[in-house]
mmCIF file of all heavy atoms, coordinates in Angstrom:
data_MODEL
# 
_entry.id   MODEL 
# 
loop_
_atom_site.group_PDB 
_atom_site.id 
_atom_site.type_symbol 
_atom_site.label_atom_id 
_atom_site.label_alt_id 
_atom_site.label_comp_id 
_atom_site.label_asym_id 
_atom_site.label_entity_id 
_atom_site.label_seq_id 
_atom_site.pdbx_PDB_ins_code 
_atom_site.Cartn_x 
_atom_site.Cartn_y 
_atom_site.Cartn_z 
_atom_site.occupancy 
_atom_site.B_iso_or_equiv 
_atom_site.pdbx_formal_charge 
_atom_site.auth_seq_id 
_atom_site.auth_comp_id 
_atom_site.auth_asym_id 
_atom_site.auth_atom_id 
_atom_site.pdbx_PDB_model_num 
ATOM 1   N N   . ILE A 1 1  ? 0.856   -1.193 0.000   1.00 0.00 ? 1  ILE A N   1 
ATOM 2   C CA  . ILE A 1 1  ? 0.000   0.000  0.000   1.00 0.00 ? 1  ILE A CA  1 
ATOM 3   C C   . ILE A 1 1  ? 0.888   1.238  0.000   1.00 0.00 ? 1  ILE A C   1 
ATOM 4   O O   . ILE A 1 1  ? 1.926   1.290  0.659   1.00 0.00 ? 1  ILE A O   1 
ATOM 5   C CB  . ILE A 1 1  ? -0.960  0.016  1.198   1.00 0.00 ? 1  ILE A CB  1 
ATOM 6   C CG1 . ILE A 1 1  ? -0.207  -0.180 2.517   1.00 0.00 ? 1  ILE A CG1 1 
ATOM 7   C CG2 . ILE A 1 1  ? -2.022  -1.069 1.053   1.00 0.00 ? 1  ILE A CG2 1 
ATOM 8   C CD1 . ILE A 1 1  ? -1.093  -0.086 3.749   1.00 0.00 ? 1  ILE A CD1 1 
ATOM 9   N N   . PHE A 1 2  ? 0.472   2.241  -0.759  1.00 0.00 ? 2  PHE A N   1 
ATOM 10  C CA  . PHE A 1 2  ? 1.285   3.447  -0.887  1.00 0.00 ? 2  PHE A CA  1 
ATOM 11  C C   . PHE A 1 2  ? 0.408   4.625  -1.279  1.00 0.00 ? 2  PHE A C   1 
ATOM 12  O O   . PHE A 1 2  ? -0.699  4.472  -1.815  1.00 0.00 ? 2  PHE A O   1 
ATOM 13  C CB  . PHE A 1 2  ? 2.375   3.255  -1.947  1.00 0.00 ? 2  PHE A CB  1 
ATOM 14  C CG  . PHE A 1 2  ? 1.840   2.948  -3.322  1.00 0.00 ? 2  PHE A CG  1 
ATOM 15  C CD1 . PHE A 1 2  ? 1.455   3.961  -4.200  1.00 0.00 ? 2  PHE A CD1 1 
ATOM 16  C CD2 . PHE A 1 2  ? 1.699   1.631  -3.737  1.00 0.00 ? 2  PHE A CD2 1 
ATOM 17  C CE1 . PHE A 1 2  ? 0.961   3.679  -5.457  1.00 0.00 ? 2  PHE A CE1 1 
ATOM 18  C CE2 . PHE A 1 2  ? 1.198   1.330  -4.995  1.00 0.00 ? 2  PHE A CE2 1 
ATOM 19  C CZ  . PHE A 1 2  ? 0.828   2.361  -5.854  1.00 0.00 ? 2  PHE A CZ  1 
ATOM 20  N N   . ILE A 1 3  ? 0.935   5.809  -1.002  1.00 0.00 ? 3  ILE A N   1 
ATOM 21  C CA  . ILE A 1 3  ? 0.357   7.081  -1.458  1.00 0.00 ? 3  ILE A CA  1 
ATOM 22  C C   . ILE A 1 3  ? 1.507   7.941  -1.932  1.00 0.00 ? 3  ILE A C   1 
ATOM 23  O O   . ILE A 1 3  ? 2.489   8.149  -1.195  1.00 0.00 ? 3  ILE A O   1 
ATOM 24  C CB  . ILE A 1 3  ? -0.420  7.793  -0.335  1.00 0.00 ? 3  ILE A CB  1 
ATOM 25  C CG1 . ILE A 1 3  ? -1.620  6.956  0.133   1.00 0.00 ? 3  ILE A CG1 1 
ATOM 26  C CG2 . ILE A 1 3  ? -0.900  9.164  -0.812  1.00 0.00 ? 3  ILE A CG2 1 
ATOM 27  C CD1 . ILE A 1 3  ? -2.365  7.578  1.305   1.00 0.00 ? 3  ILE A CD1 1 
ATOM 28  N N   . ARG A 1 4  ? 1.389   8.447  -3.164  1.00 0.00 ? 4  ARG A N   1 
ATOM 29  C CA  . ARG A 1 4  ? 2.446   9.292  -3.718  1.00 0.00 ? 4  ARG A CA  1 
ATOM 30  C C   . ARG A 1 4  ? 1.831   10.629 -4.145  1.00 0.00 ? 4  ARG A C   1 
ATOM 31  O O   . ARG A 1 4  ? 0.857   10.659 -4.906  1.00 0.00 ? 4  ARG A O   1 
ATOM 32  C CB  . ARG A 1 4  ? 3.099   8.625  -4.929  1.00 0.00 ? 4  ARG A CB  1 
ATOM 33  C CG  . ARG A 1 4  ? 3.676   7.232  -4.648  1.00 0.00 ? 4  ARG A CG  1 
ATOM 34  C CD  . ARG A 1 4  ? 4.498   6.741  -5.815  1.00 0.00 ? 4  ARG A CD  1 
ATOM 35  N NE  . ARG A 1 4  ? 4.867   5.336  -5.677  1.00 0.00 ? 4  ARG A NE  1 
ATOM 36  C CZ  . ARG A 1 4  ? 4.327   4.347  -6.373  1.00 0.00 ? 4  ARG A CZ  1 
ATOM 37  N NH1 . ARG A 1 4  ? 3.406   4.619  -7.293  1.00 0.00 ? 4  ARG A NH1 1 
ATOM 38  N NH2 . ARG A 1 4  ? 4.709   3.105  -6.190  1.00 0.00 ? 4  ARG A NH2 1 
ATOM 39  N N   . LEU A 1 5  ? 2.419   11.699 -3.654  1.00 0.00 ? 5  LEU A N   1 
ATOM 40  C CA  . LEU A 1 5  ? 1.962   13.049 -3.991  1.00 0.00 ? 5  LEU A CA  1 
ATOM 41  C C   . LEU A 1 5  ? 3.034   13.767 -4.795  1.00 0.00 ? 5  LEU A C   1 
ATOM 42  O O   . LEU A 1 5  ? 4.230   13.645 -4.492  1.00 0.00 ? 5  LEU A O   1 
ATOM 43  C CB  . LEU A 1 5  ? 1.660   13.841 -2.723  1.00 0.00 ? 5  LEU A CB  1 
ATOM 44  C CG  . LEU A 1 5  ? 0.441   13.392 -1.903  1.00 0.00 ? 5  LEU A CG  1 
ATOM 45  C CD1 . LEU A 1 5  ? 0.437   14.093 -0.554  1.00 0.00 ? 5  LEU A CD1 1 
ATOM 46  C CD2 . LEU A 1 5  ? -0.848  13.667 -2.646  1.00 0.00 ? 5  LEU A CD2 1 
ATOM 47  N N   . SER A 1 6  ? 2.609   14.506 -5.807  1.00 0.00 ? 6  SER A N   1 
ATOM 48  C CA  . SER A 1 6  ? 3.559   15.277 -6.616  1.00 0.00 ? 6  SER A CA  1 
ATOM 49  C C   . SER A 1 6  ? 2.849   16.498 -7.172  1.00 0.00 ? 6  SER A C   1 
ATOM 50  O O   . SER A 1 6  ? 1.615   16.573 -7.178  1.00 0.00 ? 6  SER A O   1 
ATOM 51  C CB  . SER A 1 6  ? 4.124   14.420 -7.761  1.00 0.00 ? 6  SER A CB  1 
ATOM 52  O OG  . SER A 1 6  ? 3.085   13.989 -8.619  1.00 0.00 ? 6  SER A OG  1 
ATOM 53  N N   . SER A 1 7  ? 3.618   17.443 -7.632  1.00 0.00 ? 7  SER A N   1 
ATOM 54  C CA  . SER A 1 7  ? 3.055   18.662 -8.234  1.00 0.00 ? 7  SER A CA  1 
ATOM 55  C C   . SER A 1 7  ? 4.064   19.265 -9.194  1.00 0.00 ? 7  SER A C   1 
ATOM 56  O O   . SER A 1 7  ? 5.278   19.019 -9.078  1.00 0.00 ? 7  SER A O   1 
ATOM 57  C CB  . SER A 1 7  ? 2.677   19.673 -7.152  1.00 0.00 ? 7  SER A CB  1 
ATOM 58  O OG  . SER A 1 7  ? 3.841   20.100 -6.456  1.00 0.00 ? 7  SER A OG  1 
ATOM 59  N N   . TYR A 1 8  ? 3.565   20.033 -10.118 1.00 0.00 ? 8  TYR A N   1 
ATOM 60  C CA  . TYR A 1 8  ? 4.453   20.748 -11.044 1.00 0.00 ? 8  TYR A CA  1 
ATOM 61  C C   . TYR A 1 8  ? 3.676   21.904 -11.682 1.00 0.00 ? 8  TYR A C   1 
ATOM 62  O O   . TYR A 1 8  ? 2.431   21.895 -11.712 1.00 0.00 ? 8  TYR A O   1 
ATOM 63  C CB  . TYR A 1 8  ? 4.996   19.811 -12.125 1.00 0.00 ? 8  TYR A CB  1 
ATOM 64  C CG  . TYR A 1 8  ? 3.947   19.197 -13.031 1.00 0.00 ? 8  TYR A CG  1 
ATOM 65  C CD1 . TYR A 1 8  ? 3.590   19.796 -14.241 1.00 0.00 ? 8  TYR A CD1 1 
ATOM 66  C CD2 . TYR A 1 8  ? 3.309   18.009 -12.669 1.00 0.00 ? 8  TYR A CD2 1 
ATOM 67  C CE1 . TYR A 1 8  ? 2.639   19.223 -15.065 1.00 0.00 ? 8  TYR A CE1 1 
ATOM 68  C CE2 . TYR A 1 8  ? 2.358   17.435 -13.484 1.00 0.00 ? 8  TYR A CE2 1 
ATOM 69  C CZ  . TYR A 1 8  ? 2.019   18.053 -14.688 1.00 0.00 ? 8  TYR A CZ  1 
ATOM 70  O OH  . TYR A 1 8  ? 1.065   17.485 -15.498 1.00 0.00 ? 8  TYR A OH  1 
ATOM 71  N N   . ALA A 1 9  ? 4.413   22.877 -12.135 1.00 0.00 ? 9  ALA A N   1 
ATOM 72  C CA  . ALA A 1 9  ? 3.826   24.052 -12.785 1.00 0.00 ? 9  ALA A CA  1 
ATOM 73  C C   . ALA A 1 9  ? 4.170   24.035 -14.270 1.00 0.00 ? 9  ALA A C   1 
ATOM 74  O O   . ALA A 1 9  ? 5.271   23.626 -14.662 1.00 0.00 ? 9  ALA A O   1 
ATOM 75  C CB  . ALA A 1 9  ? 4.329   25.333 -12.140 1.00 0.00 ? 9  ALA A CB  1 
ATOM 76  N N   . LYS A 1 10 ? 3.216   24.473 -15.070 1.00 0.00 ? 10 LYS A N   1 
ATOM 77  C CA  . LYS A 1 10 ? 3.420   24.564 -16.510 1.00 0.00 ? 10 LYS A CA  1 
ATOM 78  C C   . LYS A 1 10 ? 2.754   25.847 -16.993 1.00 0.00 ? 10 LYS A C   1 
ATOM 79  O O   . LYS A 1 10 ? 1.533   25.910 -17.128 1.00 0.00 ? 10 LYS A O   1 
ATOM 80  C CB  . LYS A 1 10 ? 2.827   23.343 -17.214 1.00 0.00 ? 10 LYS A CB  1 
ATOM 81  C CG  . LYS A 1 10 ? 3.203   23.247 -18.682 1.00 0.00 ? 10 LYS A CG  1 
ATOM 82  C CD  . LYS A 1 10 ? 2.711   21.944 -19.290 1.00 0.00 ? 10 LYS A CD  1 
ATOM 83  C CE  . LYS A 1 10 ? 3.137   21.821 -20.742 1.00 0.00 ? 10 LYS A CE  1 
ATOM 84  N NZ  . LYS A 1 10 ? 2.661   20.558 -21.354 1.00 0.00 ? 10 LYS A NZ  1 
ATOM 85  N N   . GLY A 1 11 ? 3.558   26.853 -17.220 1.00 0.00 ? 11 GLY A N   1 
ATOM 86  C CA  . GLY A 1 11 ? 3.012   28.155 -17.574 1.00 0.00 ? 11 GLY A CA  1 
ATOM 87  C C   . GLY A 1 11 ? 2.253   28.734 -16.389 1.00 0.00 ? 11 GLY A C   1 
ATOM 88  O O   . GLY A 1 11 ? 2.759   28.808 -15.267 1.00 0.00 ? 11 GLY A O   1 
ATOM 89  N N   . LYS A 1 12 ? 1.012   29.126 -16.628 1.00 0.00 ? 12 LYS A N   1 
ATOM 90  C CA  . LYS A 1 12 ? 0.176   29.658 -15.565 1.00 0.00 ? 12 LYS A CA  1 
ATOM 91  C C   . LYS A 1 12 ? -0.633  28.587 -14.851 1.00 0.00 ? 12 LYS A C   1 
ATOM 92  O O   . LYS A 1 12 ? -1.413  28.886 -13.947 1.00 0.00 ? 12 LYS A O   1 
ATOM 93  C CB  . LYS A 1 12 ? -0.789  30.714 -16.131 1.00 0.00 ? 12 LYS A CB  1 
ATOM 94  C CG  . LYS A 1 12 ? -0.100  31.985 -16.595 1.00 0.00 ? 12 LYS A CG  1 
ATOM 95  C CD  . LYS A 1 12 ? -1.132  33.017 -17.021 1.00 0.00 ? 12 LYS A CD  1 
ATOM 96  C CE  . LYS A 1 12 ? -0.444  34.322 -17.422 1.00 0.00 ? 12 LYS A CE  1 
ATOM 97  N NZ  . LYS A 1 12 ? -1.434  35.358 -17.816 1.00 0.00 ? 12 LYS A NZ  1 
ATOM 98  N N   . MET A 1 13 ? -0.443  27.351 -15.264 1.00 0.00 ? 13 MET A N   1 
ATOM 99  C CA  . MET A 1 13 ? -1.214  26.251 -14.689 1.00 0.00 ? 13 MET A CA  1 
ATOM 100 C C   . MET A 1 13 ? -0.381  25.513 -13.640 1.00 0.00 ? 13 MET A C   1 
ATOM 101 O O   . MET A 1 13 ? 0.830   25.339 -13.795 1.00 0.00 ? 13 MET A O   1 
ATOM 102 C CB  . MET A 1 13 ? -1.668  25.275 -15.768 1.00 0.00 ? 13 MET A CB  1 
ATOM 103 C CG  . MET A 1 13 ? -2.460  25.912 -16.904 1.00 0.00 ? 13 MET A CG  1 
ATOM 104 S SD  . MET A 1 13 ? -3.881  26.890 -16.342 1.00 0.00 ? 13 MET A SD  1 
ATOM 105 C CE  . MET A 1 13 ? -4.879  25.588 -15.585 1.00 0.00 ? 13 MET A CE  1 
ATOM 106 N N   . PHE A 1 14 ? -1.053  25.111 -12.580 1.00 0.00 ? 14 PHE A N   1 
ATOM 107 C CA  . PHE A 1 14 ? -0.416  24.350 -11.502 1.00 0.00 ? 14 PHE A CA  1 
ATOM 108 C C   . PHE A 1 14 ? -1.140  23.012 -11.377 1.00 0.00 ? 14 PHE A C   1 
ATOM 109 O O   . PHE A 1 14 ? -2.377  22.963 -11.320 1.00 0.00 ? 14 PHE A O   1 
ATOM 110 C CB  . PHE A 1 14 ? -0.496  25.135 -10.189 1.00 0.00 ? 14 PHE A CB  1 
ATOM 111 C CG  . PHE A 1 14 ? 0.149   24.432 -9.037  1.00 0.00 ? 14 PHE A CG  1 
ATOM 112 C CD1 . PHE A 1 14 ? 1.520   24.264 -8.982  1.00 0.00 ? 14 PHE A CD1 1 
ATOM 113 C CD2 . PHE A 1 14 ? -0.623  23.928 -7.994  1.00 0.00 ? 14 PHE A CD2 1 
ATOM 114 C CE1 . PHE A 1 14 ? 2.118   23.617 -7.911  1.00 0.00 ? 14 PHE A CE1 1 
ATOM 115 C CE2 . PHE A 1 14 ? -0.039  23.282 -6.923  1.00 0.00 ? 14 PHE A CE2 1 
ATOM 116 C CZ  . PHE A 1 14 ? 1.339   23.123 -6.884  1.00 0.00 ? 14 PHE A CZ  1 
ATOM 117 N N   . PHE A 1 15 ? -0.386  21.937 -11.331 1.00 0.00 ? 15 PHE A N   1 
ATOM 118 C CA  . PHE A 1 15 ? -0.957  20.591 -11.341 1.00 0.00 ? 15 PHE A CA  1 
ATOM 119 C C   . PHE A 1 15 ? -0.613  19.864 -10.040 1.00 0.00 ? 15 PHE A C   1 
ATOM 120 O O   . PHE A 1 15 ? 0.542   19.857 -9.605  1.00 0.00 ? 15 PHE A O   1 
ATOM 121 C CB  . PHE A 1 15 ? -0.423  19.782 -12.521 1.00 0.00 ? 15 PHE A CB  1 
ATOM 122 C CG  . PHE A 1 15 ? -0.818  20.327 -13.863 1.00 0.00 ? 15 PHE A CG  1 
ATOM 123 C CD1 . PHE A 1 15 ? -0.065  21.333 -14.464 1.00 0.00 ? 15 PHE A CD1 1 
ATOM 124 C CD2 . PHE A 1 15 ? -1.934  19.853 -14.522 1.00 0.00 ? 15 PHE A CD2 1 
ATOM 125 C CE1 . PHE A 1 15 ? -0.424  21.848 -15.695 1.00 0.00 ? 15 PHE A CE1 1 
ATOM 126 C CE2 . PHE A 1 15 ? -2.296  20.352 -15.758 1.00 0.00 ? 15 PHE A CE2 1 
ATOM 127 C CZ  . PHE A 1 15 ? -1.548  21.358 -16.354 1.00 0.00 ? 15 PHE A CZ  1 
ATOM 128 N N   . LEU A 1 16 ? -1.633  19.252 -9.438  1.00 0.00 ? 16 LEU A N   1 
ATOM 129 C CA  . LEU A 1 16 ? -1.461  18.378 -8.284  1.00 0.00 ? 16 LEU A CA  1 
ATOM 130 C C   . LEU A 1 16 ? -1.828  16.959 -8.705  1.00 0.00 ? 16 LEU A C   1 
ATOM 131 O O   . LEU A 1 16 ? -2.847  16.760 -9.378  1.00 0.00 ? 16 LEU A O   1 
ATOM 132 C CB  . LEU A 1 16 ? -2.364  18.809 -7.129  1.00 0.00 ? 16 LEU A CB  1 
ATOM 133 C CG  . LEU A 1 16 ? -2.010  20.110 -6.414  1.00 0.00 ? 16 LEU A CG  1 
ATOM 134 C CD1 . LEU A 1 16 ? -3.152  20.540 -5.511  1.00 0.00 ? 16 LEU A CD1 1 
ATOM 135 C CD2 . LEU A 1 16 ? -0.742  19.945 -5.605  1.00 0.00 ? 16 LEU A CD2 1 
ATOM 136 N N   . GLU A 1 17 ? -1.019  16.005 -8.325  1.00 0.00 ? 17 GLU A N   1 
ATOM 137 C CA  . GLU A 1 17 ? -1.278  14.617 -8.710  1.00 0.00 ? 17 GLU A CA  1 
ATOM 138 C C   . GLU A 1 17 ? -1.053  13.692 -7.517  1.00 0.00 ? 17 GLU A C   1 
ATOM 139 O O   . GLU A 1 17 ? -0.106  13.878 -6.752  1.00 0.00 ? 17 GLU A O   1 
ATOM 140 C CB  . GLU A 1 17 ? -0.370  14.211 -9.866  1.00 0.00 ? 17 GLU A CB  1 
ATOM 141 C CG  . GLU A 1 17 ? -0.712  12.855 -10.468 1.00 0.00 ? 17 GLU A CG  1 
ATOM 142 C CD  . GLU A 1 17 ? 0.077   12.561 -11.733 1.00 0.00 ? 17 GLU A CD  1 
ATOM 143 O OE1 . GLU A 1 17 ? -0.275  13.104 -12.800 1.00 0.00 ? 17 GLU A OE1 1 
ATOM 144 O OE2 . GLU A 1 17 ? 1.057   11.796 -11.633 1.00 0.00 ? 17 GLU A OE2 1 
ATOM 145 N N   . MET A 1 18 ? -1.947  12.731 -7.379  1.00 0.00 ? 18 MET A N   1 
ATOM 146 C CA  . MET A 1 18 ? -1.831  11.766 -6.300  1.00 0.00 ? 18 MET A CA  1 
ATOM 147 C C   . MET A 1 18 ? -2.085  10.362 -6.837  1.00 0.00 ? 18 MET A C   1 
ATOM 148 O O   . MET A 1 18 ? -3.059  10.146 -7.561  1.00 0.00 ? 18 MET A O   1 
ATOM 149 C CB  . MET A 1 18 ? -2.821  12.058 -5.173  1.00 0.00 ? 18 MET A CB  1 
ATOM 150 C CG  . MET A 1 18 ? -2.604  11.189 -3.944  1.00 0.00 ? 18 MET A CG  1 
ATOM 151 S SD  . MET A 1 18 ? -3.930  11.355 -2.747  1.00 0.00 ? 18 MET A SD  1 
ATOM 152 C CE  . MET A 1 18 ? -5.234  10.520 -3.630  1.00 0.00 ? 18 MET A CE  1 
ATOM 153 N N   . GLU A 1 19 ? -1.223  9.424  -6.474  1.00 0.00 ? 19 GLU A N   1 
ATOM 154 C CA  . GLU A 1 19 ? -1.395  8.019  -6.809  1.00 0.00 ? 19 GLU A CA  1 
ATOM 155 C C   . GLU A 1 19 ? -1.551  7.232  -5.518  1.00 0.00 ? 19 GLU A C   1 
ATOM 156 O O   . GLU A 1 19 ? -0.854  7.506  -4.535  1.00 0.00 ? 19 GLU A O   1 
ATOM 157 C CB  . GLU A 1 19 ? -0.190  7.487  -7.595  1.00 0.00 ? 19 GLU A CB  1 
ATOM 158 C CG  . GLU A 1 19 ? -0.006  8.121  -8.966  1.00 0.00 ? 19 GLU A CG  1 
ATOM 159 C CD  . GLU A 1 19 ? 1.213   7.556  -9.679  1.00 0.00 ? 19 GLU A CD  1 
ATOM 160 O OE1 . GLU A 1 19 ? 2.073   6.948  -9.001  1.00 0.00 ? 19 GLU A OE1 1 
ATOM 161 O OE2 . GLU A 1 19 ? 1.305   7.706  -10.903 1.00 0.00 ? 19 GLU A OE2 1 
ATOM 162 N N   . ASN A 1 20 ? -2.442  6.280  -5.521  1.00 0.00 ? 20 ASN A N   1 
ATOM 163 C CA  . ASN A 1 20 ? -2.582  5.417  -4.351  1.00 0.00 ? 20 ASN A CA  1 
ATOM 164 C C   . ASN A 1 20 ? -2.997  4.019  -4.780  1.00 0.00 ? 20 ASN A C   1 
ATOM 165 O O   . ASN A 1 20 ? -3.634  3.827  -5.829  1.00 0.00 ? 20 ASN A O   1 
ATOM 166 C CB  . ASN A 1 20 ? -3.591  5.985  -3.355  1.00 0.00 ? 20 ASN A CB  1 
ATOM 167 C CG  . ASN A 1 20 ? -5.006  6.009  -3.903  1.00 0.00 ? 20 ASN A CG  1 
ATOM 168 O OD1 . ASN A 1 20 ? -5.393  6.974  -4.546  1.00 0.00 ? 20 ASN A OD1 1 
ATOM 169 N ND2 . ASN A 1 20 ? -5.782  4.975  -3.636  1.00 0.00 ? 20 ASN A ND2 1 
ATOM 170 N N   . SER A 1 21 ? -2.621  3.052  -3.985  1.00 0.00 ? 21 SER A N   1 
ATOM 171 C CA  . SER A 1 21 ? -3.024  1.673  -4.251  1.00 0.00 ? 21 SER A CA  1 
ATOM 172 C C   . SER A 1 21 ? -4.463  1.470  -3.791  1.00 0.00 ? 21 SER A C   1 
ATOM 173 O O   . SER A 1 21 ? -4.928  2.137  -2.855  1.00 0.00 ? 21 SER A O   1 
ATOM 174 C CB  . SER A 1 21 ? -2.098  0.710  -3.512  1.00 0.00 ? 21 SER A CB  1 
ATOM 175 O OG  . SER A 1 21 ? -2.030  1.045  -2.136  1.00 0.00 ? 21 SER A OG  1 
ATOM 176 N N   . PHE A 1 22 ? -5.175  0.567  -4.451  1.00 0.00 ? 22 PHE A N   1 
ATOM 177 C CA  . PHE A 1 22 ? -6.540  0.214  -4.053  1.00 0.00 ? 22 PHE A CA  1 
ATOM 178 C C   . PHE A 1 22 ? -6.828  -1.186 -4.567  1.00 0.00 ? 22 PHE A C   1 
ATOM 179 O O   . PHE A 1 22 ? -5.996  -1.819 -5.216  1.00 0.00 ? 22 PHE A O   1 
ATOM 180 C CB  . PHE A 1 22 ? -7.538  1.248  -4.565  1.00 0.00 ? 22 PHE A CB  1 
ATOM 181 C CG  . PHE A 1 22 ? -7.905  1.129  -6.014  1.00 0.00 ? 22 PHE A CG  1 
ATOM 182 C CD1 . PHE A 1 22 ? -9.195  0.832  -6.418  1.00 0.00 ? 22 PHE A CD1 1 
ATOM 183 C CD2 . PHE A 1 22 ? -6.940  1.316  -7.002  1.00 0.00 ? 22 PHE A CD2 1 
ATOM 184 C CE1 . PHE A 1 22 ? -9.515  0.727  -7.757  1.00 0.00 ? 22 PHE A CE1 1 
ATOM 185 C CE2 . PHE A 1 22 ? -7.261  1.208  -8.335  1.00 0.00 ? 22 PHE A CE2 1 
ATOM 186 C CZ  . PHE A 1 22 ? -8.557  0.914  -8.723  1.00 0.00 ? 22 PHE A CZ  1 
ATOM 187 N N   . ASP A 1 23 ? -8.015  -1.698 -4.254  1.00 0.00 ? 23 ASP A N   1 
ATOM 188 C CA  . ASP A 1 23 ? -8.304  -3.102 -4.549  1.00 0.00 ? 23 ASP A CA  1 
ATOM 189 C C   . ASP A 1 23 ? -8.668  -3.353 -6.007  1.00 0.00 ? 23 ASP A C   1 
ATOM 190 O O   . ASP A 1 23 ? -8.964  -4.492 -6.386  1.00 0.00 ? 23 ASP A O   1 
ATOM 191 C CB  . ASP A 1 23 ? -9.435  -3.608 -3.643  1.00 0.00 ? 23 ASP A CB  1 
ATOM 192 C CG  . ASP A 1 23 ? -10.719 -2.816 -3.801  1.00 0.00 ? 23 ASP A CG  1 
ATOM 193 O OD1 . ASP A 1 23 ? -10.763 -1.919 -4.678  1.00 0.00 ? 23 ASP A OD1 1 
ATOM 194 O OD2 . ASP A 1 23 ? -11.672 -3.077 -3.053  1.00 0.00 ? 23 ASP A OD2 1 
ATOM 195 N N   . GLY A 1 24 ? -8.687  -2.320 -6.835  1.00 0.00 ? 24 GLY A N   1 
ATOM 196 C CA  . GLY A 1 24 ? -8.978  -2.501 -8.255  1.00 0.00 ? 24 GLY A CA  1 
ATOM 197 C C   . GLY A 1 24 ? -10.442 -2.548 -8.601  1.00 0.00 ? 24 GLY A C   1 
ATOM 198 O O   . GLY A 1 24 ? -10.806 -2.648 -9.771  1.00 0.00 ? 24 GLY A O   1 
ATOM 199 N N   . LYS A 1 25 ? -11.316 -2.449 -7.589  1.00 0.00 ? 25 LYS A N   1 
ATOM 200 C CA  . LYS A 1 25 ? -12.759 -2.515 -7.838  1.00 0.00 ? 25 LYS A CA  1 
ATOM 201 C C   . LYS A 1 25 ? -13.330 -1.100 -7.853  1.00 0.00 ? 25 LYS A C   1 
ATOM 202 O O   . LYS A 1 25 ? -13.184 -0.371 -6.875  1.00 0.00 ? 25 LYS A O   1 
ATOM 203 C CB  . LYS A 1 25 ? -13.457 -3.350 -6.766  1.00 0.00 ? 25 LYS A CB  1 
ATOM 204 C CG  . LYS A 1 25 ? -12.933 -4.778 -6.665  1.00 0.00 ? 25 LYS A CG  1 
ATOM 205 C CD  . LYS A 1 25 ? -13.525 -5.490 -5.458  1.00 0.00 ? 25 LYS A CD  1 
ATOM 206 C CE  . LYS A 1 25 ? -12.917 -6.860 -5.271  1.00 0.00 ? 25 LYS A CE  1 
ATOM 207 N NZ  . LYS A 1 25 ? -13.415 -7.532 -4.050  1.00 0.00 ? 25 LYS A NZ  1 
ATOM 208 N N   . VAL A 1 26 ? -13.962 -0.741 -8.956  1.00 0.00 ? 26 VAL A N   1 
ATOM 209 C CA  . VAL A 1 26 ? -14.521 0.600  -9.099  1.00 0.00 ? 26 VAL A CA  1 
ATOM 210 C C   . VAL A 1 26 ? -15.994 0.480  -9.473  1.00 0.00 ? 26 VAL A C   1 
ATOM 211 O O   . VAL A 1 26 ? -16.352 -0.227 -10.416 1.00 0.00 ? 26 VAL A O   1 
ATOM 212 C CB  . VAL A 1 26 ? -13.777 1.417  -10.179 1.00 0.00 ? 26 VAL A CB  1 
ATOM 213 C CG1 . VAL A 1 26 ? -14.449 2.763  -10.376 1.00 0.00 ? 26 VAL A CG1 1 
ATOM 214 C CG2 . VAL A 1 26 ? -12.330 1.613  -9.770  1.00 0.00 ? 26 VAL A CG2 1 
ATOM 215 N N   . MET A 1 27 ? -16.831 1.162  -8.718  1.00 0.00 ? 27 MET A N   1 
ATOM 216 C CA  . MET A 1 27 ? -18.254 1.238  -9.045  1.00 0.00 ? 27 MET A CA  1 
ATOM 217 C C   . MET A 1 27 ? -18.495 2.568  -9.745  1.00 0.00 ? 27 MET A C   1 
ATOM 218 O O   . MET A 1 27 ? -18.241 3.633  -9.180  1.00 0.00 ? 27 MET A O   1 
ATOM 219 C CB  . MET A 1 27 ? -19.107 1.141  -7.783  1.00 0.00 ? 27 MET A CB  1 
ATOM 220 C CG  . MET A 1 27 ? -19.075 -0.219 -7.103  1.00 0.00 ? 27 MET A CG  1 
ATOM 221 S SD  . MET A 1 27 ? -20.080 -0.230 -5.596  1.00 0.00 ? 27 MET A SD  1 
ATOM 222 C CE  . MET A 1 27 ? -21.684 0.204  -6.296  1.00 0.00 ? 27 MET A CE  1 
ATOM 223 N N   . ARG A 1 28 ? -18.972 2.484  -10.968 1.00 0.00 ? 28 ARG A N   1 
ATOM 224 C CA  . ARG A 1 28 ? -19.246 3.721  -11.715 1.00 0.00 ? 28 ARG A CA  1 
ATOM 225 C C   . ARG A 1 28 ? -20.548 3.567  -12.486 1.00 0.00 ? 28 ARG A C   1 
ATOM 226 O O   . ARG A 1 28 ? -20.692 2.657  -13.302 1.00 0.00 ? 28 ARG A O   1 
ATOM 227 C CB  . ARG A 1 28 ? -18.113 4.049  -12.673 1.00 0.00 ? 28 ARG A CB  1 
ATOM 228 C CG  . ARG A 1 28 ? -18.305 5.400  -13.359 1.00 0.00 ? 28 ARG A CG  1 
ATOM 229 C CD  . ARG A 1 28 ? -17.166 5.739  -14.283 1.00 0.00 ? 28 ARG A CD  1 
ATOM 230 N NE  . ARG A 1 28 ? -17.336 7.060  -14.855 1.00 0.00 ? 28 ARG A NE  1 
ATOM 231 C CZ  . ARG A 1 28 ? -16.536 7.608  -15.747 1.00 0.00 ? 28 ARG A CZ  1 
ATOM 232 N NH1 . ARG A 1 28 ? -15.475 6.929  -16.154 1.00 0.00 ? 28 ARG A NH1 1 
ATOM 233 N NH2 . ARG A 1 28 ? -16.772 8.811  -16.230 1.00 0.00 ? 28 ARG A NH2 1 
# 
């Protein structure tokens, strides 16, 4: 199990990104 946080800027835009482990089951 893990959580990874990262961010970066591109021009005037700022991006936040997060990755995490899960059981692979998604209800949509």
